[in-house]
């Protein structure tokens, strides 16, 4: 534990330490997993979880996600459904990042203004 900021609020301590809130860290992890599924970096088959609607005429990024067949009756807070809304709002330069490290860098900049 870091000594000194005990008198600060949770948000102030996170800001002082340069960290995201727990909610943003969970979202960050989910978005990283979505990126890995889409780029083929995960062992599991992501096609059952969601599919990509490749369009050139969409606002924002061209890789919008929609639920897979097995996910349509799942609860709203299940991973693919909860992350799709945020993924579909990511800018094109984030979604089309050539590597995971570049994706993380761009994503962190966007997360600073999200939530």
PDB file of N, CA and C in Angstrom:
ATOM      1  N   UNK A   1       0.832  -1.178   0.000  1.00  0.00           N
ATOM      2  CA  UNK A   1       0.000   0.000   0.000  1.00  0.00           C
ATOM      3  C   UNK A   1       0.879   1.245   0.000  1.00  0.00           C
ATOM      4  N   UNK A   2       0.435   2.232  -0.682  1.00  0.00           N
ATOM      5  CA  UNK A   2       1.152   3.497  -0.761  1.00  0.00           C
ATOM      6  C   UNK A   2       0.775   4.341   0.449  1.00  0.00           C
ATOM      7  N   UNK A   3       1.743   4.841   1.156  1.00  0.00           N
ATOM      8  CA  UNK A   3       1.499   5.658   2.352  1.00  0.00           C
ATOM      9  C   UNK A   3       1.339   7.120   1.974  1.00  0.00           C
ATOM     10  N   UNK A   4       0.433   7.790   2.648  1.00  0.00           N
ATOM     11  CA  UNK A   4       0.280   9.222   2.448  1.00  0.00           C
ATOM     12  C   UNK A   4      -1.079   9.678   1.978  1.00  0.00           C
ATOM     13  N   UNK A   5      -1.660   9.050   0.956  1.00  0.00           N
ATOM     14  CA  UNK A   5      -2.916   9.587   0.423  1.00  0.00           C
ATOM     15  C   UNK A   5      -4.181   9.040   1.107  1.00  0.00           C
ATOM     16  N   UNK A   6      -4.084   8.575   2.389  1.00  0.00           N
ATOM     17  CA  UNK A   6      -5.243   8.013   3.067  1.00  0.00           C
ATOM     18  C   UNK A   6      -6.381   9.021   3.205  1.00  0.00           C
ATOM     19  N   UNK A   7      -6.067  10.290   3.303  1.00  0.00           N
ATOM     20  CA  UNK A   7      -7.082  11.321   3.503  1.00  0.00           C
ATOM     21  C   UNK A   7      -7.807  11.706   2.208  1.00  0.00           C
ATOM     22  N   UNK A   8      -7.290  11.259   1.051  1.00  0.00           N
ATOM     23  CA  UNK A   8      -7.893  11.600  -0.236  1.00  0.00           C
ATOM     24  C   UNK A   8      -9.053  10.655  -0.562  1.00  0.00           C
ATOM     25  N   UNK A   9      -9.971  11.120  -1.396  1.00  0.00           N
ATOM     26  CA  UNK A   9     -11.057  10.269  -1.859  1.00  0.00           C
ATOM     27  C   UNK A   9     -10.509   9.223  -2.828  1.00  0.00           C
ATOM     28  N   UNK A  10     -11.330   8.222  -3.117  1.00  0.00           N
ATOM     29  CA  UNK A  10     -10.927   7.149  -4.026  1.00  0.00           C
ATOM     30  C   UNK A  10     -10.501   7.708  -5.379  1.00  0.00           C
ATOM     31  N   UNK A  11     -11.317   8.601  -5.949  1.00  0.00           N
ATOM     32  CA  UNK A  11     -11.019   9.174  -7.260  1.00  0.00           C
ATOM     33  C   UNK A  11      -9.735   9.989  -7.230  1.00  0.00           C
ATOM     34  N   UNK A  12      -9.518  10.750  -6.147  1.00  0.00           N
ATOM     35  CA  UNK A  12      -8.303  11.563  -6.034  1.00  0.00           C
ATOM     36  C   UNK A  12      -7.065  10.686  -5.902  1.00  0.00           C
ATOM     37  N   UNK A  13      -7.181   9.576  -5.153  1.00  0.00           N
ATOM     38  CA  UNK A  13      -6.038   8.663  -5.019  1.00  0.00           C
ATOM     39  C   UNK A  13      -5.694   8.025  -6.361  1.00  0.00           C
ATOM     40  N   UNK A  14      -6.730   7.600  -7.097  1.00  0.00           N
ATOM     41  CA  UNK A  14      -6.478   7.014  -8.420  1.00  0.00           C
ATOM     42  C   UNK A  14      -5.801   8.013  -9.344  1.00  0.00           C
ATOM     43  N   UNK A  15      -6.287   9.245  -9.304  1.00  0.00           N
ATOM     44  CA  UNK A  15      -5.709  10.287 -10.147  1.00  0.00           C
ATOM     45  C   UNK A  15      -4.253  10.546  -9.779  1.00  0.00           C
ATOM     46  N   UNK A  16      -3.982  10.615  -8.491  1.00  0.00           N
ATOM     47  CA  UNK A  16      -2.612  10.870  -8.031  1.00  0.00           C
ATOM     48  C   UNK A  16      -1.664   9.741  -8.419  1.00  0.00           C
ATOM     49  N   UNK A  17      -2.177   8.499  -8.413  1.00  0.00           N
ATOM     50  CA  UNK A  17      -1.346   7.348  -8.754  1.00  0.00           C
ATOM     51  C   UNK A  17      -1.329   7.047 -10.255  1.00  0.00           C
ATOM     52  N   UNK A  18      -2.154   7.777 -11.028  1.00  0.00           N
ATOM     53  CA  UNK A  18      -2.209   7.560 -12.469  1.00  0.00           C
ATOM     54  C   UNK A  18      -2.902   6.263 -12.854  1.00  0.00           C
ATOM     55  N   UNK A  19      -3.942   5.872 -12.097  1.00  0.00           N
ATOM     56  CA  UNK A  19      -4.662   4.625 -12.352  1.00  0.00           C
ATOM     57  C   UNK A  19      -6.093   4.893 -12.782  1.00  0.00           C
ATOM     58  N   UNK A  20      -6.693   3.900 -13.469  1.00  0.00           N
ATOM     59  CA  UNK A  20      -8.107   3.955 -13.823  1.00  0.00           C
ATOM     60  C   UNK A  20      -8.926   3.360 -12.690  1.00  0.00           C
ATOM     61  N   UNK A  21     -10.214   3.686 -12.662  1.00  0.00           N
ATOM     62  CA  UNK A  21     -11.122   3.083 -11.688  1.00  0.00           C
ATOM     63  C   UNK A  21     -11.306   1.609 -12.031  1.00  0.00           C
ATOM     64  N   UNK A  22     -11.869   0.854 -11.098  1.00  0.00           N
ATOM     65  CA  UNK A  22     -12.091  -0.574 -11.317  1.00  0.00           C
ATOM     66  C   UNK A  22     -13.007  -0.800 -12.520  1.00  0.00           C
ATOM     67  N   UNK A  23     -14.023   0.041 -12.664  1.00  0.00           N
ATOM     68  CA  UNK A  23     -14.950  -0.079 -13.792  1.00  0.00           C
ATOM     69  C   UNK A  23     -14.215   0.090 -15.126  1.00  0.00           C
ATOM     70  N   UNK A  24     -13.330   1.072 -15.199  1.00  0.00           N
ATOM     71  CA  UNK A  24     -12.567   1.296 -16.437  1.00  0.00           C
ATOM     72  C   UNK A  24     -11.563   0.175 -16.677  1.00  0.00           C
ATOM     73  N   UNK A  25     -10.969  -0.368 -15.605  1.00  0.00           N
ATOM     74  CA  UNK A  25     -10.014  -1.462 -15.784  1.00  0.00           C
ATOM     75  C   UNK A  25     -10.699  -2.717 -16.298  1.00  0.00           C
ATOM     76  N   UNK A  26     -11.925  -2.980 -15.815  1.00  0.00           N
ATOM     77  CA  UNK A  26     -12.677  -4.130 -16.323  1.00  0.00           C
ATOM     78  C   UNK A  26     -13.031  -3.936 -17.789  1.00  0.00           C
ATOM     79  N   UNK A  27     -13.499  -2.754 -18.126  1.00  0.00           N
ATOM     80  CA  UNK A  27     -13.832  -2.459 -19.523  1.00  0.00           C
ATOM     81  C   UNK A  27     -12.589  -2.578 -20.397  1.00  0.00           C
ATOM     82  N   UNK A  28     -11.463  -2.077 -19.923  1.00  0.00           N
ATOM     83  CA  UNK A  28     -10.201  -2.162 -20.674  1.00  0.00           C
ATOM     84  C   UNK A  28      -9.849  -3.618 -20.962  1.00  0.00           C
ATOM     85  N   UNK A  29      -9.975  -4.481 -19.962  1.00  0.00           N
ATOM     86  CA  UNK A  29      -9.685  -5.904 -20.145  1.00  0.00           C
ATOM     87  C   UNK A  29     -10.624  -6.559 -21.137  1.00  0.00           C
ATOM     88  N   UNK A  30     -11.907  -6.212 -21.071  1.00  0.00           N
ATOM     89  CA  UNK A  30     -12.878  -6.768 -22.011  1.00  0.00           C
ATOM     90  C   UNK A  30     -12.594  -6.315 -23.440  1.00  0.00           C
ATOM     91  N   UNK A  31     -12.239  -5.049 -23.608  1.00  0.00           N
ATOM     92  CA  UNK A  31     -11.918  -4.542 -24.947  1.00  0.00           C
ATOM     93  C   UNK A  31     -10.639  -5.183 -25.493  1.00  0.00           C
ATOM     94  N   UNK A  32      -9.675  -5.428 -24.612  1.00  0.00           N
ATOM     95  CA  UNK A  32      -8.448  -6.117 -25.039  1.00  0.00           C
ATOM     96  C   UNK A  32      -8.768  -7.527 -25.506  1.00  0.00           C
ATOM     97  N   UNK A  33      -9.658  -8.223 -24.785  1.00  0.00           N
ATOM     98  CA  UNK A  33     -10.044  -9.574 -25.200  1.00  0.00           C
ATOM     99  C   UNK A  33     -10.793  -9.549 -26.529  1.00  0.00           C
ATOM    100  N   UNK A  34     -11.646  -8.569 -26.724  1.00  0.00           N
ATOM    101  CA  UNK A  34     -12.360  -8.446 -27.999  1.00  0.00           C
ATOM    102  C   UNK A  34     -11.359  -8.235 -29.133  1.00  0.00           C
ATOM    103  N   UNK A  35     -10.366  -7.391 -28.917  1.00  0.00           N
ATOM    104  CA  UNK A  35      -9.329  -7.153 -29.932  1.00  0.00           C
ATOM    105  C   UNK A  35      -8.592  -8.459 -30.246  1.00  0.00           C
ATOM    106  N   UNK A  36      -8.247  -9.213 -29.203  1.00  0.00           N
ATOM    107  CA  UNK A  36      -7.535 -10.479 -29.407  1.00  0.00           C
ATOM    108  C   UNK A  36      -8.388 -11.469 -30.193  1.00  0.00           C
ATOM    109  N   UNK A  37      -9.674 -11.560 -29.859  1.00  0.00           N
ATOM    110  CA  UNK A  37     -10.560 -12.456 -30.609  1.00  0.00           C
ATOM    111  C   UNK A  37     -10.598 -12.068 -32.081  1.00  0.00           C
ATOM    112  N   UNK A  38     -10.750 -10.780 -32.337  1.00  0.00           N
ATOM    113  CA  UNK A  38     -10.881 -10.316 -33.716  1.00  0.00           C
ATOM    114  C   UNK A  38      -9.597 -10.479 -34.515  1.00  0.00           C
ATOM    115  N   UNK A  39      -8.462 -10.338 -33.872  1.00  0.00           N
ATOM    116  CA  UNK A  39      -7.174 -10.461 -34.559  1.00  0.00           C
ATOM    117  C   UNK A  39      -6.628 -11.882 -34.546  1.00  0.00           C
ATOM    118  N   UNK A  40      -7.378 -12.818 -33.938  1.00  0.00           N
ATOM    119  CA  UNK A  40      -6.948 -14.211 -33.921  1.00  0.00           C
ATOM    120  C   UNK A  40      -5.919 -14.537 -32.871  1.00  0.00           C
ATOM    121  N   UNK A  41      -5.774 -13.696 -31.851  1.00  0.00           N
ATOM    122  CA  UNK A  41      -4.785 -13.934 -30.814  1.00  0.00           C
ATOM    123  C   UNK A  41      -5.268 -14.778 -29.661  1.00  0.00           C
ATOM    124  N   UNK A  42      -6.554 -15.155 -29.644  1.00  0.00           N
ATOM    125  CA  UNK A  42      -7.105 -15.988 -28.576  1.00  0.00           C
ATOM    126  C   UNK A  42      -7.278 -17.414 -29.072  1.00  0.00           C
ATOM    127  N   UNK A  43      -7.123 -18.356 -28.154  1.00  0.00           N
ATOM    128  CA  UNK A  43      -7.283 -19.763 -28.481  1.00  0.00           C
ATOM    129  C   UNK A  43      -8.738 -20.109 -28.795  1.00  0.00           C
ATOM    130  N   UNK A  44      -9.664 -19.467 -28.078  1.00  0.00           N
ATOM    131  CA  UNK A  44     -11.081 -19.777 -28.253  1.00  0.00           C
ATOM    132  C   UNK A  44     -11.618 -19.163 -29.534  1.00  0.00           C
ATOM    133  N   UNK A  45     -12.704 -19.735 -30.023  1.00  0.00           N
ATOM    134  CA  UNK A  45     -13.336 -19.257 -31.245  1.00  0.00           C
ATOM    135  C   UNK A  45     -14.275 -18.109 -30.905  1.00  0.00           C
ATOM    136  N   UNK A  46     -13.943 -16.903 -31.304  1.00  0.00           N
ATOM    137  CA  UNK A  46     -14.767 -15.740 -31.022  1.00  0.00           C
ATOM    138  C   UNK A  46     -15.977 -15.618 -31.920  1.00  0.00           C
ATOM    139  N   UNK A  47     -16.059 -16.417 -32.978  1.00  0.00           N
ATOM    140  CA  UNK A  47     -17.185 -16.297 -33.902  1.00  0.00           C
ATOM    141  C   UNK A  47     -18.510 -16.682 -33.262  1.00  0.00           C
ATOM    142  N   UNK A  48     -18.484 -17.512 -32.211  1.00  0.00           N
ATOM    143  CA  UNK A  48     -19.715 -17.859 -31.521  1.00  0.00           C
ATOM    144  C   UNK A  48     -20.170 -16.718 -30.615  1.00  0.00           C
ATOM    145  N   UNK A  49     -19.239 -15.893 -30.177  1.00  0.00           N
ATOM    146  CA  UNK A  49     -19.569 -14.821 -29.248  1.00  0.00           C
ATOM    147  C   UNK A  49     -20.148 -13.606 -29.952  1.00  0.00           C
ATOM    148  N   UNK A  50     -19.539 -13.225 -31.074  1.00  0.00           N
ATOM    149  CA  UNK A  50     -20.010 -12.071 -31.828  1.00  0.00           C
ATOM    150  C   UNK A  50     -19.481 -12.154 -33.246  1.00  0.00           C
ATOM    151  N   UNK A  51     -20.051 -11.363 -34.111  1.00  0.00           N
ATOM    152  CA  UNK A  51     -19.562 -11.293 -35.483  1.00  0.00           C
ATOM    153  C   UNK A  51     -19.330  -9.830 -35.852  1.00  0.00           C
ATOM    154  N   UNK A  52     -18.544  -9.622 -36.872  1.00  0.00           N
ATOM    155  CA  UNK A  52     -18.173  -8.274 -37.296  1.00  0.00           C
ATOM    156  C   UNK A  52     -19.012  -7.890 -38.505  1.00  0.00           C
ATOM    157  N   UNK A  53     -19.498  -6.666 -38.486  1.00  0.00           N
ATOM    158  CA  UNK A  53     -20.231  -6.115 -39.622  1.00  0.00           C
ATOM    159  C   UNK A  53     -19.295  -5.166 -40.362  1.00  0.00           C
ATOM    160  N   UNK A  54     -18.487  -5.677 -41.295  1.00  0.00           N
ATOM    161  CA  UNK A  54     -17.546  -4.795 -41.993  1.00  0.00           C
ATOM    162  C   UNK A  54     -18.282  -3.871 -42.957  1.00  0.00           C
ATOM    163  N   UNK A  55     -18.247  -2.600 -42.671  1.00  0.00           N
ATOM    164  CA  UNK A  55     -18.905  -1.602 -43.524  1.00  0.00           C
ATOM    165  C   UNK A  55     -17.999  -0.399 -43.680  1.00  0.00           C
ATOM    166  N   UNK A  56     -18.028   0.166 -44.850  1.00  0.00           N
ATOM    167  CA  UNK A  56     -17.265   1.386 -45.083  1.00  0.00           C
ATOM    168  C   UNK A  56     -18.096   2.624 -44.806  1.00  0.00           C
ATOM    169  N   UNK A  57     -19.401   2.456 -44.667  1.00  0.00           N
ATOM    170  CA  UNK A  57     -20.276   3.609 -44.529  1.00  0.00           C
ATOM    171  C   UNK A  57     -20.739   3.863 -43.102  1.00  0.00           C
ATOM    172  N   UNK A  58     -20.108   3.241 -42.116  1.00  0.00           N
ATOM    173  CA  UNK A  58     -20.506   3.476 -40.734  1.00  0.00           C
ATOM    174  C   UNK A  58     -19.707   4.622 -40.146  1.00  0.00           C
ATOM    175  N   UNK A  59     -20.297   5.259 -39.179  1.00  0.00           N
ATOM    176  CA  UNK A  59     -19.564   6.297 -38.448  1.00  0.00           C
ATOM    177  C   UNK A  59     -18.579   5.618 -37.517  1.00  0.00           C
ATOM    178  N   UNK A  60     -17.527   6.301 -37.182  1.00  0.00           N
ATOM    179  CA  UNK A  60     -16.539   5.719 -36.286  1.00  0.00           C
ATOM    180  C   UNK A  60     -15.757   4.621 -36.974  1.00  0.00           C
ATOM    181  N   UNK A  61     -15.617   3.484 -36.283  1.00  0.00           N
ATOM    182  CA  UNK A  61     -14.826   2.397 -36.862  1.00  0.00           C
ATOM    183  C   UNK A  61     -15.653   1.570 -37.835  1.00  0.00           C
ATOM    184  N   UNK A  62     -14.952   0.842 -38.710  1.00  0.00           N
ATOM    185  CA  UNK A  62     -15.609   0.044 -39.746  1.00  0.00           C
ATOM    186  C   UNK A  62     -15.830  -1.394 -39.314  1.00  0.00           C
ATOM    187  N   UNK A  63     -15.532  -1.722 -38.074  1.00  0.00           N
ATOM    188  CA  UNK A  63     -15.644  -3.090 -37.577  1.00  0.00           C
ATOM    189  C   UNK A  63     -16.647  -3.148 -36.431  1.00  0.00           C
ATOM    190  N   UNK A  64     -17.904  -2.887 -36.729  1.00  0.00           N
ATOM    191  CA  UNK A  64     -18.952  -2.919 -35.715  1.00  0.00           C
ATOM    192  C   UNK A  64     -19.245  -4.369 -35.344  1.00  0.00           C
ATOM    193  N   UNK A  65     -19.511  -4.607 -34.059  1.00  0.00           N
ATOM    194  CA  UNK A  65     -19.806  -5.948 -33.578  1.00  0.00           C
ATOM    195  C   UNK A  65     -21.301  -6.139 -33.413  1.00  0.00           C
ATOM    196  N   UNK A  66     -21.760  -7.363 -33.636  1.00  0.00           N
ATOM    197  CA  UNK A  66     -23.147  -7.727 -33.340  1.00  0.00           C
ATOM    198  C   UNK A  66     -23.099  -9.067 -32.608  1.00  0.00           C
ATOM    199  N   UNK A  67     -24.115  -9.351 -31.780  1.00  0.00           N
ATOM    200  CA  UNK A  67     -24.092 -10.593 -31.000  1.00  0.00           C
ATOM    201  C   UNK A  67     -24.101 -11.831 -31.887  1.00  0.00           C
ATOM    202  N   UNK A  68     -23.386 -12.867 -31.438  1.00  0.00           N
ATOM    203  CA  UNK A  68     -23.422 -14.149 -32.127  1.00  0.00           C
ATOM    204  C   UNK A  68     -24.727 -14.865 -31.828  1.00  0.00           C
ATOM    205  N   UNK A  69     -24.977 -15.959 -32.518  1.00  0.00           N
ATOM    206  CA  UNK A  69     -26.241 -16.675 -32.360  1.00  0.00           C
ATOM    207  C   UNK A  69     -26.462 -17.172 -30.938  1.00  0.00           C
ATOM    208  N   UNK A  70     -25.424 -17.628 -30.275  1.00  0.00           N
ATOM    209  CA  UNK A  70     -25.604 -18.200 -28.939  1.00  0.00           C
ATOM    210  C   UNK A  70     -25.764 -17.130 -27.858  1.00  0.00           C
ATOM    211  N   UNK A  71     -25.535 -15.855 -28.168  1.00  0.00           N
ATOM    212  CA  UNK A  71     -25.554 -14.813 -27.153  1.00  0.00           C
ATOM    213  C   UNK A  71     -26.835 -13.995 -27.113  1.00  0.00           C
ATOM    214  N   UNK A  72     -27.748 -14.209 -28.002  1.00  0.00           N
ATOM    215  CA  UNK A  72     -28.913 -13.334 -28.077  1.00  0.00           C
ATOM    216  C   UNK A  72     -29.837 -13.457 -26.881  1.00  0.00           C
ATOM    217  N   UNK A  73     -29.827 -14.585 -26.197  1.00  0.00           N
ATOM    218  CA  UNK A  73     -30.708 -14.767 -25.051  1.00  0.00           C
ATOM    219  C   UNK A  73     -29.971 -14.645 -23.723  1.00  0.00           C
ATOM    220  N   UNK A  74     -28.708 -14.232 -23.742  1.00  0.00           N
ATOM    221  CA  UNK A  74     -27.922 -14.104 -22.519  1.00  0.00           C
ATOM    222  C   UNK A  74     -28.246 -12.804 -21.794  1.00  0.00           C
ATOM    223  N   UNK A  75     -27.830 -12.736 -20.525  1.00  0.00           N
ATOM    224  CA  UNK A  75     -28.032 -11.521 -19.741  1.00  0.00           C
ATOM    225  C   UNK A  75     -27.241 -10.369 -20.338  1.00  0.00           C
ATOM    226  N   UNK A  76     -27.677  -9.162 -20.053  1.00  0.00           N
ATOM    227  CA  UNK A  76     -27.052  -7.957 -20.601  1.00  0.00           C
ATOM    228  C   UNK A  76     -25.604  -7.795 -20.156  1.00  0.00           C
ATOM    229  N   UNK A  77     -25.240  -8.281 -18.963  1.00  0.00           N
ATOM    230  CA  UNK A  77     -23.887  -8.035 -18.454  1.00  0.00           C
ATOM    231  C   UNK A  77     -22.879  -9.107 -18.882  1.00  0.00           C
ATOM    232  N   UNK A  78     -23.225 -10.028 -19.754  1.00  0.00           N
ATOM    233  CA  UNK A  78     -22.286 -11.021 -20.237  1.00  0.00           C
ATOM    234  C   UNK A  78     -21.245 -10.337 -21.123  1.00  0.00           C
ATOM    235  N   UNK A  79     -20.016 -10.832 -21.117  1.00  0.00           N
ATOM    236  CA  UNK A  79     -18.883 -10.158 -21.765  1.00  0.00           C
ATOM    237  C   UNK A  79     -19.173  -9.601 -23.156  1.00  0.00           C
ATOM    238  N   UNK A  80     -19.564 -10.412 -24.126  1.00  0.00           N
ATOM    239  CA  UNK A  80     -19.695  -9.843 -25.480  1.00  0.00           C
ATOM    240  C   UNK A  80     -20.747  -8.749 -25.572  1.00  0.00           C
ATOM    241  N   UNK A  81     -21.862  -8.911 -24.882  1.00  0.00           N
ATOM    242  CA  UNK A  81     -22.913  -7.910 -24.978  1.00  0.00           C
ATOM    243  C   UNK A  81     -22.530  -6.610 -24.281  1.00  0.00           C
ATOM    244  N   UNK A  82     -21.867  -6.714 -23.165  1.00  0.00           N
ATOM    245  CA  UNK A  82     -21.504  -5.501 -22.434  1.00  0.00           C
ATOM    246  C   UNK A  82     -20.390  -4.718 -23.119  1.00  0.00           C
ATOM    247  N   UNK A  83     -19.544  -5.409 -23.857  1.00  0.00           N
ATOM    248  CA  UNK A  83     -18.408  -4.741 -24.481  1.00  0.00           C
ATOM    249  C   UNK A  83     -18.736  -4.210 -25.875  1.00  0.00           C
ATOM    250  N   UNK A  84     -19.762  -4.763 -26.520  1.00  0.00           N
ATOM    251  CA  UNK A  84     -20.078  -4.363 -27.895  1.00  0.00           C
ATOM    252  C   UNK A  84     -20.418  -2.891 -28.025  1.00  0.00           C
ATOM    253  N   UNK A  85     -21.190  -2.374 -27.097  1.00  0.00           N
ATOM    254  CA  UNK A  85     -21.568  -0.962 -27.151  1.00  0.00           C
ATOM    255  C   UNK A  85     -20.333  -0.069 -27.109  1.00  0.00           C
ATOM    256  N   UNK A  86     -19.415  -0.391 -26.212  1.00  0.00           N
ATOM    257  CA  UNK A  86     -18.189   0.413 -26.097  1.00  0.00           C
ATOM    258  C   UNK A  86     -17.284   0.204 -27.314  1.00  0.00           C
ATOM    259  N   UNK A  87     -17.170  -1.040 -27.793  1.00  0.00           N
ATOM    260  CA  UNK A  87     -16.338  -1.320 -28.968  1.00  0.00           C
ATOM    261  C   UNK A  87     -16.840  -0.548 -30.177  1.00  0.00           C
ATOM    262  N   UNK A  88     -18.148  -0.550 -30.373  1.00  0.00           N
ATOM    263  CA  UNK A  88     -18.717   0.098 -31.550  1.00  0.00           C
ATOM    264  C   UNK A  88     -18.548   1.613 -31.518  1.00  0.00           C
ATOM    265  N   UNK A  89     -18.274   2.182 -30.343  1.00  0.00           N
ATOM    266  CA  UNK A  89     -18.045   3.621 -30.239  1.00  0.00           C
ATOM    267  C   UNK A  89     -16.566   4.007 -30.306  1.00  0.00           C
ATOM    268  N   UNK A  90     -15.673   3.024 -30.350  1.00  0.00           N
ATOM    269  CA  UNK A  90     -14.244   3.339 -30.432  1.00  0.00           C
ATOM    270  C   UNK A  90     -13.915   3.971 -31.771  1.00  0.00           C
ATOM    271  N   UNK A  91     -12.986   4.914 -31.789  1.00  0.00           N
ATOM    272  CA  UNK A  91     -12.560   5.520 -33.055  1.00  0.00           C
ATOM    273  C   UNK A  91     -11.861   4.501 -33.958  1.00  0.00           C
ATOM    274  N   UNK A  92     -11.854   4.785 -35.221  1.00  0.00           N
ATOM    275  CA  UNK A  92     -11.265   3.896 -36.224  1.00  0.00           C
ATOM    276  C   UNK A  92      -9.790   3.600 -35.937  1.00  0.00           C
ATOM    277  N   UNK A  93      -9.007   4.609 -35.541  1.00  0.00           N
ATOM    278  CA  UNK A  93      -7.575   4.383 -35.322  1.00  0.00           C
ATOM    279  C   UNK A  93      -7.302   3.428 -34.164  1.00  0.00           C
ATOM    280  N   UNK A  94      -8.231   3.322 -33.217  1.00  0.00           N
ATOM    281  CA  UNK A  94      -8.058   2.380 -32.107  1.00  0.00           C
ATOM    282  C   UNK A  94      -8.348   0.962 -32.586  1.00  0.00           C
ATOM    283  N   UNK A  95      -9.488   0.757 -33.219  1.00  0.00           N
ATOM    284  CA  UNK A  95      -9.920  -0.568 -33.661  1.00  0.00           C
ATOM    285  C   UNK A  95      -8.986  -1.151 -34.713  1.00  0.00           C
ATOM    286  N   UNK A  96      -8.444  -0.320 -35.572  1.00  0.00           N
ATOM    287  CA  UNK A  96      -7.586  -0.798 -36.652  1.00  0.00           C
ATOM    288  C   UNK A  96      -6.102  -0.768 -36.296  1.00  0.00           C
ATOM    289  N   UNK A  97      -5.788  -0.776 -35.016  1.00  0.00           N
ATOM    290  CA  UNK A  97      -4.386  -0.787 -34.576  1.00  0.00           C
ATOM    291  C   UNK A  97      -3.692  -2.045 -35.075  1.00  0.00           C
ATOM    292  N   UNK A  98      -2.462  -1.915 -35.574  1.00  0.00           N
ATOM    293  CA  UNK A  98      -1.762  -3.067 -36.143  1.00  0.00           C
ATOM    294  C   UNK A  98      -1.241  -4.068 -35.107  1.00  0.00           C
ATOM    295  N   UNK A  99      -1.096  -3.647 -33.852  1.00  0.00           N
ATOM    296  CA  UNK A  99      -0.594  -4.559 -32.824  1.00  0.00           C
ATOM    297  C   UNK A  99      -1.316  -4.316 -31.507  1.00  0.00           C
ATOM    298  N   UNK A 100      -1.195  -5.282 -30.611  1.00  0.00           N
ATOM    299  CA  UNK A 100      -1.848  -5.186 -29.308  1.00  0.00           C
ATOM    300  C   UNK A 100      -1.294  -4.021 -28.487  1.00  0.00           C
ATOM    301  N   UNK A 101       0.001  -3.797 -28.552  1.00  0.00           N
ATOM    302  CA  UNK A 101       0.615  -2.700 -27.786  1.00  0.00           C
ATOM    303  C   UNK A 101       0.111  -1.340 -28.260  1.00  0.00           C
ATOM    304  N   UNK A 102      -0.009  -1.173 -29.556  1.00  0.00           N
ATOM    305  CA  UNK A 102      -0.527   0.087 -30.095  1.00  0.00           C
ATOM    306  C   UNK A 102      -1.993   0.243 -29.727  1.00  0.00           C
ATOM    307  N   UNK A 103      -2.756  -0.869 -29.770  1.00  0.00           N
ATOM    308  CA  UNK A 103      -4.159  -0.835 -29.364  1.00  0.00           C
ATOM    309  C   UNK A 103      -4.284  -0.373 -27.913  1.00  0.00           C
ATOM    310  N   UNK A 104      -3.439  -0.921 -27.034  1.00  0.00           N
ATOM    311  CA  UNK A 104      -3.481  -0.532 -25.611  1.00  0.00           C
ATOM    312  C   UNK A 104      -3.215   0.959 -25.438  1.00  0.00           C
ATOM    313  N   UNK A 105      -2.239   1.477 -26.154  1.00  0.00           N
ATOM    314  CA  UNK A 105      -1.884   2.892 -26.044  1.00  0.00           C
ATOM    315  C   UNK A 105      -3.038   3.780 -26.492  1.00  0.00           C
ATOM    316  N   UNK A 106      -3.606   3.469 -27.650  1.00  0.00           N
ATOM    317  CA  UNK A 106      -4.733   4.261 -28.160  1.00  0.00           C
ATOM    318  C   UNK A 106      -5.955   4.123 -27.254  1.00  0.00           C
ATOM    319  N   UNK A 107      -6.193   2.909 -26.777  1.00  0.00           N
ATOM    320  CA  UNK A 107      -7.352   2.647 -25.936  1.00  0.00           C
ATOM    321  C   UNK A 107      -7.259   3.417 -24.617  1.00  0.00           C
ATOM    322  N   UNK A 108      -6.089   3.487 -24.033  1.00  0.00           N
ATOM    323  CA  UNK A 108      -5.925   4.217 -22.774  1.00  0.00           C
ATOM    324  C   UNK A 108      -6.245   5.695 -22.942  1.00  0.00           C
ATOM    325  N   UNK A 109      -5.875   6.254 -24.078  1.00  0.00           N
ATOM    326  CA  UNK A 109      -6.210   7.665 -24.338  1.00  0.00           C
ATOM    327  C   UNK A 109      -7.723   7.870 -24.411  1.00  0.00           C
ATOM    328  N   UNK A 110      -8.424   6.922 -25.044  1.00  0.00           N
ATOM    329  CA  UNK A 110      -9.878   7.009 -25.172  1.00  0.00           C
ATOM    330  C   UNK A 110     -10.546   6.780 -23.818  1.00  0.00           C
ATOM    331  N   UNK A 111     -10.038   5.843 -23.035  1.00  0.00           N
ATOM    332  CA  UNK A 111     -10.638   5.529 -21.734  1.00  0.00           C
ATOM    333  C   UNK A 111     -10.571   6.693 -20.755  1.00  0.00           C
ATOM    334  N   UNK A 112      -9.591   7.554 -20.932  1.00  0.00           N
ATOM    335  CA  UNK A 112      -9.503   8.723 -20.044  1.00  0.00           C
ATOM    336  C   UNK A 112     -10.762   9.591 -20.132  1.00  0.00           C
ATOM    337  N   UNK A 113     -11.409   9.601 -21.291  1.00  0.00           N
ATOM    338  CA  UNK A 113     -12.607  10.429 -21.466  1.00  0.00           C
ATOM    339  C   UNK A 113     -13.901   9.629 -21.344  1.00  0.00           C
ATOM    340  N   UNK A 114     -13.811   8.283 -21.296  1.00  0.00           N
ATOM    341  CA  UNK A 114     -15.001   7.439 -21.182  1.00  0.00           C
ATOM    342  C   UNK A 114     -15.457   7.307 -19.747  1.00  0.00           C
ATOM    343  N   UNK A 115     -16.703   6.933 -19.574  1.00  0.00           N
ATOM    344  CA  UNK A 115     -17.307   6.659 -18.272  1.00  0.00           C
ATOM    345  C   UNK A 115     -17.231   7.830 -17.408  1.00  0.00           C
TER     346      UNK A 115
END
